[in-house]
Amino acid sequence: VRARAVAFYLLVFQGGMAIGALVWGQVAQWAGLSA
């Protein structure tokens, strides 16, 4: 089951990167880079 369990890890890891990038980009756009 190694590849399937790794897939869940990548889902959390890369998904967190994508969602985090989207959120911080919007925060920087509307509240500023420092915020």
PDB file of all heavy atoms in Angstrom:
ATOM      1  N   VAL A   1       0.827  -1.214   0.000  1.00  0.00           N
ATOM      2  CA  VAL A   1       0.000   0.000   0.000  1.00  0.00           C
ATOM      3  C   VAL A   1       0.859   1.262   0.000  1.00  0.00           C
ATOM      4  O   VAL A   1       0.366   2.352   0.186  1.00  0.00           O
ATOM      5  CB  VAL A   1      -0.930  -0.022   1.234  1.00  0.00           C
ATOM      6  CG1 VAL A   1      -0.146   0.300   2.528  1.00  0.00           C
ATOM      7  CG2 VAL A   1      -2.133   0.898   1.076  1.00  0.00           C
ATOM      8  N   ARG A   2       2.147   1.114  -0.274  1.00  0.00           N
ATOM      9  CA  ARG A   2       3.080   2.230  -0.106  1.00  0.00           C
ATOM     10  C   ARG A   2       2.699   3.438  -0.966  1.00  0.00           C
ATOM     11  O   ARG A   2       2.641   4.567  -0.485  1.00  0.00           O
ATOM     12  CB  ARG A   2       4.504   1.784  -0.429  1.00  0.00           C
ATOM     13  CG  ARG A   2       5.548   2.900  -0.247  1.00  0.00           C
ATOM     14  CD  ARG A   2       6.954   2.391  -0.475  1.00  0.00           C
ATOM     15  NE  ARG A   2       7.355   1.513   0.606  1.00  0.00           N
ATOM     16  CZ  ARG A   2       7.891   0.299   0.442  1.00  0.00           C
ATOM     17  NH1 ARG A   2       8.068  -0.172  -0.776  1.00  0.00           N
ATOM     18  NH2 ARG A   2       8.248  -0.421   1.472  1.00  0.00           N
ATOM     19  N   ALA A   3       2.453   3.228  -2.254  1.00  0.00           N
ATOM     20  CA  ALA A   3       2.178   4.366  -3.133  1.00  0.00           C
ATOM     21  C   ALA A   3       0.875   5.063  -2.747  1.00  0.00           C
ATOM     22  O   ALA A   3       0.768   6.287  -2.831  1.00  0.00           O
ATOM     23  CB  ALA A   3       2.125   3.910  -4.588  1.00  0.00           C
ATOM     24  N   ARG A   4      -0.133   4.290  -2.313  1.00  0.00           N
ATOM     25  CA  ARG A   4      -1.397   4.902  -1.929  1.00  0.00           C
ATOM     26  C   ARG A   4      -1.243   5.740  -0.668  1.00  0.00           C
ATOM     27  O   ARG A   4      -1.792   6.844  -0.561  1.00  0.00           O
ATOM     28  CB  ARG A   4      -2.467   3.814  -1.742  1.00  0.00           C
ATOM     29  CG  ARG A   4      -3.067   3.331  -3.051  1.00  0.00           C
ATOM     30  CD  ARG A   4      -3.823   2.026  -2.889  1.00  0.00           C
ATOM     31  NE  ARG A   4      -2.929   0.870  -2.866  1.00  0.00           N
ATOM     32  CZ  ARG A   4      -3.324  -0.394  -2.800  1.00  0.00           C
ATOM     33  NH1 ARG A   4      -4.622  -0.670  -2.715  1.00  0.00           N
ATOM     34  NH2 ARG A   4      -2.449  -1.371  -2.821  1.00  0.00           N
ATOM     35  N   ALA A   5      -0.492   5.253   0.310  1.00  0.00           N
ATOM     36  CA  ALA A   5      -0.275   6.043   1.522  1.00  0.00           C
ATOM     37  C   ALA A   5       0.565   7.282   1.222  1.00  0.00           C
ATOM     38  O   ALA A   5       0.300   8.371   1.754  1.00  0.00           O
ATOM     39  CB  ALA A   5       0.416   5.183   2.587  1.00  0.00           C
ATOM     40  N   VAL A   6       1.576   7.131   0.357  1.00  0.00           N
ATOM     41  CA  VAL A   6       2.369   8.286  -0.069  1.00  0.00           C
ATOM     42  C   VAL A   6       1.480   9.317  -0.758  1.00  0.00           C
ATOM     43  O   VAL A   6       1.664  10.529  -0.600  1.00  0.00           O
ATOM     44  CB  VAL A   6       3.519   7.839  -0.994  1.00  0.00           C
ATOM     45  CG1 VAL A   6       4.132   9.030  -1.722  1.00  0.00           C
ATOM     46  CG2 VAL A   6       4.595   7.119  -0.195  1.00  0.00           C
ATOM     47  N   ALA A   7       0.484   8.830  -1.525  1.00  0.00           N
ATOM     48  CA  ALA A   7      -0.426   9.748  -2.211  1.00  0.00           C
ATOM     49  C   ALA A   7      -1.191  10.609  -1.215  1.00  0.00           C
ATOM     50  O   ALA A   7      -1.404  11.810  -1.455  1.00  0.00           O
ATOM     51  CB  ALA A   7      -1.392   8.959  -3.092  1.00  0.00           C
ATOM     52  N   PHE A   8      -1.622  10.028  -0.108  1.00  0.00           N
ATOM     53  CA  PHE A   8      -2.300  10.830   0.913  1.00  0.00           C
ATOM     54  C   PHE A   8      -1.349  11.882   1.491  1.00  0.00           C
ATOM     55  O   PHE A   8      -1.750  13.028   1.743  1.00  0.00           O
ATOM     56  CB  PHE A   8      -2.829   9.931   2.029  1.00  0.00           C
ATOM     57  CG  PHE A   8      -4.157   9.301   1.722  1.00  0.00           C
ATOM     58  CD1 PHE A   8      -4.229   8.040   1.154  1.00  0.00           C
ATOM     59  CD2 PHE A   8      -5.334   9.963   1.999  1.00  0.00           C
ATOM     60  CE1 PHE A   8      -5.452   7.451   0.865  1.00  0.00           C
ATOM     61  CE2 PHE A   8      -6.565   9.391   1.722  1.00  0.00           C
ATOM     62  CZ  PHE A   8      -6.625   8.127   1.150  1.00  0.00           C
ATOM     63  N   TYR A   9      -0.104  11.501   1.706  1.00  0.00           N
ATOM     64  CA  TYR A   9       0.888  12.446   2.211  1.00  0.00           C
ATOM     65  C   TYR A   9       1.108  13.590   1.221  1.00  0.00           C
ATOM     66  O   TYR A   9       1.119  14.772   1.600  1.00  0.00           O
ATOM     67  CB  TYR A   9       2.203  11.708   2.481  1.00  0.00           C
ATOM     68  CG  TYR A   9       3.359  12.598   2.851  1.00  0.00           C
ATOM     69  CD1 TYR A   9       3.407  13.226   4.085  1.00  0.00           C
ATOM     70  CD2 TYR A   9       4.408  12.808   1.959  1.00  0.00           C
ATOM     71  CE1 TYR A   9       4.480  14.047   4.427  1.00  0.00           C
ATOM     72  CE2 TYR A   9       5.478  13.626   2.285  1.00  0.00           C
ATOM     73  CZ  TYR A   9       5.513  14.236   3.521  1.00  0.00           C
ATOM     74  OH  TYR A   9       6.568  15.055   3.846  1.00  0.00           O
ATOM     75  N   LEU A  10       1.257  13.237  -0.066  1.00  0.00           N
ATOM     76  CA  LEU A  10       1.444  14.265  -1.080  1.00  0.00           C
ATOM     77  C   LEU A  10       0.202  15.149  -1.219  1.00  0.00           C
ATOM     78  O   LEU A  10       0.310  16.335  -1.505  1.00  0.00           O
ATOM     79  CB  LEU A  10       1.780  13.616  -2.424  1.00  0.00           C
ATOM     80  CG  LEU A  10       3.139  12.918  -2.503  1.00  0.00           C
ATOM     81  CD1 LEU A  10       3.309  12.226  -3.851  1.00  0.00           C
ATOM     82  CD2 LEU A  10       4.282  13.900  -2.259  1.00  0.00           C
ATOM     83  N   LEU A  11      -0.967  14.536  -1.030  1.00  0.00           N
ATOM     84  CA  LEU A  11      -2.210  15.305  -1.083  1.00  0.00           C
ATOM     85  C   LEU A  11      -2.206  16.398  -0.016  1.00  0.00           C
ATOM     86  O   LEU A  11      -2.544  17.558  -0.288  1.00  0.00           O
ATOM     87  CB  LEU A  11      -3.401  14.375  -0.889  1.00  0.00           C
ATOM     88  CG  LEU A  11      -4.796  15.003  -0.915  1.00  0.00           C
ATOM     89  CD1 LEU A  11      -5.088  15.577  -2.289  1.00  0.00           C
ATOM     90  CD2 LEU A  11      -5.849  13.970  -0.536  1.00  0.00           C
ATOM     91  N   VAL A  12      -1.811  16.029   1.197  1.00  0.00           N
ATOM     92  CA  VAL A  12      -1.751  17.012   2.283  1.00  0.00           C
ATOM     93  C   VAL A  12      -0.629  18.015   2.037  1.00  0.00           C
ATOM     94  O   VAL A  12      -0.810  19.234   2.183  1.00  0.00           O
ATOM     95  CB  VAL A  12      -1.556  16.299   3.639  1.00  0.00           C
ATOM     96  CG1 VAL A  12      -1.306  17.310   4.753  1.00  0.00           C
ATOM     97  CG2 VAL A  12      -2.781  15.453   3.965  1.00  0.00           C
ATOM     98  N   PHE A  13       0.522  17.512   1.625  1.00  0.00           N
ATOM     99  CA  PHE A  13       1.697  18.375   1.480  1.00  0.00           C
ATOM    100  C   PHE A  13       1.526  19.359   0.326  1.00  0.00           C
ATOM    101  O   PHE A  13       1.564  20.578   0.514  1.00  0.00           O
ATOM    102  CB  PHE A  13       2.947  17.516   1.266  1.00  0.00           C
ATOM    103  CG  PHE A  13       4.223  18.291   1.304  1.00  0.00           C
ATOM    104  CD1 PHE A  13       4.896  18.464   2.491  1.00  0.00           C
ATOM    105  CD2 PHE A  13       4.737  18.857   0.153  1.00  0.00           C
ATOM    106  CE1 PHE A  13       6.082  19.201   2.532  1.00  0.00           C
ATOM    107  CE2 PHE A  13       5.904  19.596   0.180  1.00  0.00           C
ATOM    108  CZ  PHE A  13       6.579  19.768   1.371  1.00  0.00           C
ATOM    109  N   GLN A  14       1.316  18.832  -0.879  1.00  0.00           N
ATOM    110  CA  GLN A  14       1.211  19.708  -2.038  1.00  0.00           C
ATOM    111  C   GLN A  14      -0.096  20.503  -2.016  1.00  0.00           C
ATOM    112  O   GLN A  14      -0.146  21.650  -2.458  1.00  0.00           O
ATOM    113  CB  GLN A  14       1.310  18.886  -3.331  1.00  0.00           C
ATOM    114  CG  GLN A  14       2.643  18.195  -3.523  1.00  0.00           C
ATOM    115  CD  GLN A  14       3.775  19.178  -3.807  1.00  0.00           C
ATOM    116  OE1 GLN A  14       3.550  20.369  -3.971  1.00  0.00           O
ATOM    117  NE2 GLN A  14       4.993  18.675  -3.861  1.00  0.00           N
ATOM    118  N   GLY A  15      -1.164  19.870  -1.518  1.00  0.00           N
ATOM    119  CA  GLY A  15      -2.406  20.609  -1.381  1.00  0.00           C
ATOM    120  C   GLY A  15      -2.263  21.766  -0.423  1.00  0.00           C
ATOM    121  O   GLY A  15      -2.791  22.872  -0.651  1.00  0.00           O
ATOM    122  N   GLY A  16      -1.539  21.543   0.678  1.00  0.00           N
ATOM    123  CA  GLY A  16      -1.272  22.621   1.623  1.00  0.00           C
ATOM    124  C   GLY A  16      -0.457  23.739   0.994  1.00  0.00           C
ATOM    125  O   GLY A  16      -0.680  24.929   1.265  1.00  0.00           O
ATOM    126  N   MET A  17       0.500  23.350   0.135  1.00  0.00           N
ATOM    127  CA  MET A  17       1.290  24.363  -0.572  1.00  0.00           C
ATOM    128  C   MET A  17       0.410  25.191  -1.496  1.00  0.00           C
ATOM    129  O   MET A  17       0.505  26.427  -1.538  1.00  0.00           O
ATOM    130  CB  MET A  17       2.405  23.677  -1.373  1.00  0.00           C
ATOM    131  CG  MET A  17       3.514  23.093  -0.523  1.00  0.00           C
ATOM    132  SD  MET A  17       4.600  24.345   0.194  1.00  0.00           S
ATOM    133  CE  MET A  17       5.499  24.881  -1.253  1.00  0.00           C
ATOM    134  N   ALA A  18      -0.468  24.504  -2.265  1.00  0.00           N
ATOM    135  CA  ALA A  18      -1.312  25.213  -3.227  1.00  0.00           C
ATOM    136  C   ALA A  18      -2.317  26.125  -2.525  1.00  0.00           C
ATOM    137  O   ALA A  18      -2.476  27.300  -2.877  1.00  0.00           O
ATOM    138  CB  ALA A  18      -2.036  24.208  -4.120  1.00  0.00           C
ATOM    139  N   ILE A  19      -2.996  25.578  -1.522  1.00  0.00           N
ATOM    140  CA  ILE A  19      -3.995  26.374  -0.802  1.00  0.00           C
ATOM    141  C   ILE A  19      -3.318  27.502  -0.029  1.00  0.00           C
ATOM    142  O   ILE A  19      -3.805  28.647  -0.006  1.00  0.00           O
ATOM    143  CB  ILE A  19      -4.813  25.470   0.129  1.00  0.00           C
ATOM    144  CG1 ILE A  19      -5.650  24.485  -0.703  1.00  0.00           C
ATOM    145  CG2 ILE A  19      -5.719  26.304   1.033  1.00  0.00           C
ATOM    146  CD1 ILE A  19      -6.333  23.423   0.112  1.00  0.00           C
ATOM    147  N   GLY A  20      -2.187  27.198   0.607  1.00  0.00           N
ATOM    148  CA  GLY A  20      -1.455  28.234   1.330  1.00  0.00           C
ATOM    149  C   GLY A  20      -1.017  29.359   0.408  1.00  0.00           C
ATOM    150  O   GLY A  20      -1.150  30.542   0.738  1.00  0.00           O
ATOM    151  N   ALA A  21      -0.496  28.997  -0.785  1.00  0.00           N
ATOM    152  CA  ALA A  21      -0.055  30.020  -1.735  1.00  0.00           C
ATOM    153  C   ALA A  21      -1.222  30.900  -2.163  1.00  0.00           C
ATOM    154  O   ALA A  21      -1.098  32.130  -2.264  1.00  0.00           O
ATOM    155  CB  ALA A  21       0.590  29.354  -2.950  1.00  0.00           C
ATOM    156  N   LEU A  22      -2.377  30.264  -2.411  1.00  0.00           N
ATOM    157  CA  LEU A  22      -3.549  31.029  -2.818  1.00  0.00           C
ATOM    158  C   LEU A  22      -3.990  31.999  -1.714  1.00  0.00           C
ATOM    159  O   LEU A  22      -4.255  33.182  -1.963  1.00  0.00           O
ATOM    160  CB  LEU A  22      -4.688  30.069  -3.169  1.00  0.00           C
ATOM    161  CG  LEU A  22      -6.011  30.707  -3.583  1.00  0.00           C
ATOM    162  CD1 LEU A  22      -5.835  31.522  -4.854  1.00  0.00           C
ATOM    163  CD2 LEU A  22      -7.072  29.633  -3.788  1.00  0.00           C
ATOM    164  N   VAL A  23      -4.057  31.499  -0.476  1.00  0.00           N
ATOM    165  CA  VAL A  23      -4.497  32.326   0.643  1.00  0.00           C
ATOM    166  C   VAL A  23      -3.531  33.484   0.890  1.00  0.00           C
ATOM    167  O   VAL A  23      -3.941  34.651   1.008  1.00  0.00           O
ATOM    168  CB  VAL A  23      -4.658  31.475   1.913  1.00  0.00           C
ATOM    169  CG1 VAL A  23      -4.862  32.366   3.139  1.00  0.00           C
ATOM    170  CG2 VAL A  23      -5.832  30.517   1.763  1.00  0.00           C
ATOM    171  N   TRP A  24      -2.229  33.183   0.952  1.00  0.00           N
ATOM    172  CA  TRP A  24      -1.269  34.249   1.257  1.00  0.00           C
ATOM    173  C   TRP A  24      -1.184  35.249   0.116  1.00  0.00           C
ATOM    174  O   TRP A  24      -0.950  36.453   0.358  1.00  0.00           O
ATOM    175  CB  TRP A  24       0.103  33.659   1.559  1.00  0.00           C
ATOM    176  CG  TRP A  24       0.102  32.690   2.699  1.00  0.00           C
ATOM    177  CD1 TRP A  24       0.604  31.422   2.700  1.00  0.00           C
ATOM    178  CD2 TRP A  24      -0.445  32.895   4.011  1.00  0.00           C
ATOM    179  NE1 TRP A  24       0.395  30.806   3.919  1.00  0.00           N
ATOM    180  CE2 TRP A  24      -0.242  31.698   4.753  1.00  0.00           C
ATOM    181  CE3 TRP A  24      -1.093  33.953   4.635  1.00  0.00           C
ATOM    182  CZ2 TRP A  24      -0.655  31.541   6.053  1.00  0.00           C
ATOM    183  CZ3 TRP A  24      -1.517  33.803   5.950  1.00  0.00           C
ATOM    184  CH2 TRP A  24      -1.289  32.614   6.646  1.00  0.00           C
ATOM    185  N   GLY A  25      -1.382  34.800  -1.124  1.00  0.00           N
ATOM    186  CA  GLY A  25      -1.402  35.738  -2.239  1.00  0.00           C
ATOM    187  C   GLY A  25      -2.557  36.719  -2.130  1.00  0.00           C
ATOM    188  O   GLY A  25      -2.401  37.927  -2.372  1.00  0.00           O
ATOM    189  N   GLN A  26      -3.722  36.195  -1.744  1.00  0.00           N
ATOM    190  CA  GLN A  26      -4.881  37.070  -1.589  1.00  0.00           C
ATOM    191  C   GLN A  26      -4.698  38.025  -0.406  1.00  0.00           C
ATOM    192  O   GLN A  26      -5.063  39.214  -0.487  1.00  0.00           O
ATOM    193  CB  GLN A  26      -6.150  36.232  -1.396  1.00  0.00           C
ATOM    194  CG  GLN A  26      -6.534  35.400  -2.606  1.00  0.00           C
ATOM    195  CD  GLN A  26      -6.802  36.260  -3.829  1.00  0.00           C
ATOM    196  OE1 GLN A  26      -7.436  37.310  -3.747  1.00  0.00           O
ATOM    197  NE2 GLN A  26      -6.300  35.823  -4.970  1.00  0.00           N
ATOM    198  N   VAL A  27      -4.128  37.530   0.691  1.00  0.00           N
ATOM    199  CA  VAL A  27      -3.878  38.391   1.854  1.00  0.00           C
ATOM    200  C   VAL A  27      -2.911  39.514   1.480  1.00  0.00           C
ATOM    201  O   VAL A  27      -3.118  40.685   1.824  1.00  0.00           O
ATOM    202  CB  VAL A  27      -3.335  37.568   3.042  1.00  0.00           C
ATOM    203  CG1 VAL A  27      -2.895  38.493   4.183  1.00  0.00           C
ATOM    204  CG2 VAL A  27      -4.384  36.583   3.544  1.00  0.00           C
ATOM    205  N   ALA A  28      -1.849  39.147   0.745  1.00  0.00           N
ATOM    206  CA  ALA A  28      -0.880  40.167   0.334  1.00  0.00           C
ATOM    207  C   ALA A  28      -1.507  41.185  -0.612  1.00  0.00           C
ATOM    208  O   ALA A  28      -1.183  42.380  -0.563  1.00  0.00           O
ATOM    209  CB  ALA A  28       0.323  39.494  -0.342  1.00  0.00           C
ATOM    210  N   GLN A  29      -2.415  40.706  -1.471  1.00  0.00           N
ATOM    211  CA  GLN A  29      -3.059  41.606  -2.430  1.00  0.00           C
ATOM    212  C   GLN A  29      -3.943  42.628  -1.729  1.00  0.00           C
ATOM    213  O   GLN A  29      -3.959  43.811  -2.100  1.00  0.00           O
ATOM    214  CB  GLN A  29      -3.888  40.779  -3.418  1.00  0.00           C
ATOM    215  CG  GLN A  29      -4.620  41.571  -4.478  1.00  0.00           C
ATOM    216  CD  GLN A  29      -3.703  42.022  -5.600  1.00  0.00           C
ATOM    217  OE1 GLN A  29      -2.587  41.544  -5.727  1.00  0.00           O
ATOM    218  NE2 GLN A  29      -4.169  42.966  -6.416  1.00  0.00           N
ATOM    219  N   TRP A  30      -4.683  42.186  -0.707  1.00  0.00           N
ATOM    220  CA  TRP A  30      -5.699  43.059  -0.108  1.00  0.00           C
ATOM    221  C   TRP A  30      -5.280  43.675   1.225  1.00  0.00           C
ATOM    222  O   TRP A  30      -5.781  44.733   1.605  1.00  0.00           O
ATOM    223  CB  TRP A  30      -7.003  42.277   0.084  1.00  0.00           C
ATOM    224  CG  TRP A  30      -7.545  41.787  -1.213  1.00  0.00           C
ATOM    225  CD1 TRP A  30      -7.563  40.500  -1.675  1.00  0.00           C
ATOM    226  CD2 TRP A  30      -8.123  42.580  -2.255  1.00  0.00           C
ATOM    227  NE1 TRP A  30      -8.114  40.443  -2.928  1.00  0.00           N
ATOM    228  CE2 TRP A  30      -8.477  41.714  -3.320  1.00  0.00           C
ATOM    229  CE3 TRP A  30      -8.386  43.944  -2.403  1.00  0.00           C
ATOM    230  CZ2 TRP A  30      -9.056  42.160  -4.487  1.00  0.00           C
ATOM    231  CZ3 TRP A  30      -8.971  44.391  -3.581  1.00  0.00           C
ATOM    232  CH2 TRP A  30      -9.312  43.500  -4.611  1.00  0.00           C
ATOM    233  N   ALA A  31      -4.351  43.040   1.955  1.00  0.00           N
ATOM    234  CA  ALA A  31      -3.944  43.583   3.254  1.00  0.00           C
ATOM    235  C   ALA A  31      -2.475  43.966   3.293  1.00  0.00           C
ATOM    236  O   ALA A  31      -2.024  44.560   4.277  1.00  0.00           O
ATOM    237  CB  ALA A  31      -4.238  42.567   4.368  1.00  0.00           C
ATOM    238  N   GLY A  32      -1.729  43.591   2.269  1.00  0.00           N
ATOM    239  CA  GLY A  32      -0.324  43.949   2.219  1.00  0.00           C
ATOM    240  C   GLY A  32       0.593  42.762   2.459  1.00  0.00           C
ATOM    241  O   GLY A  32       0.223  41.765   3.102  1.00  0.00           O
ATOM    242  N   LEU A  33       1.813  42.878   1.936  1.00  0.00           N
ATOM    243  CA  LEU A  33       2.803  41.802   2.042  1.00  0.00           C
ATOM    244  C   LEU A  33       3.148  41.503   3.496  1.00  0.00           C
ATOM    245  O   LEU A  33       3.274  40.345   3.907  1.00  0.00           O
ATOM    246  CB  LEU A  33       4.057  42.197   1.257  1.00  0.00           C
ATOM    247  CG  LEU A  33       5.219  41.210   1.251  1.00  0.00           C
ATOM    248  CD1 LEU A  33       4.796  39.872   0.647  1.00  0.00           C
ATOM    249  CD2 LEU A  33       6.405  41.796   0.475  1.00  0.00           C
ATOM    250  N   SER A  34       3.301  42.545   4.304  1.00  0.00           N
ATOM    251  CA  SER A  34       3.673  42.356   5.699  1.00  0.00           C
ATOM    252  C   SER A  34       2.619  41.562   6.460  1.00  0.00           C
ATOM    253  O   SER A  34       2.941  40.662   7.239  1.00  0.00           O
ATOM    254  CB  SER A  34       3.879  43.708   6.379  1.00  0.00           C
ATOM    255  OG  SER A  34       4.233  43.551   7.738  1.00  0.00           O
ATOM    256  N   ALA A  35       1.350  41.849   6.231  1.00  0.00           N
ATOM    257  CA  ALA A  35       0.273  41.116   6.912  1.00  0.00           C
ATOM    258  C   ALA A  35       0.308  39.633   6.570  1.00  0.00           C
ATOM    259  O   ALA A  35       0.077  38.776   7.432  1.00  0.00           O
ATOM    260  CB  ALA A  35      -1.086  41.713   6.540  1.00  0.00           C
TER     261      ALA A  35
END
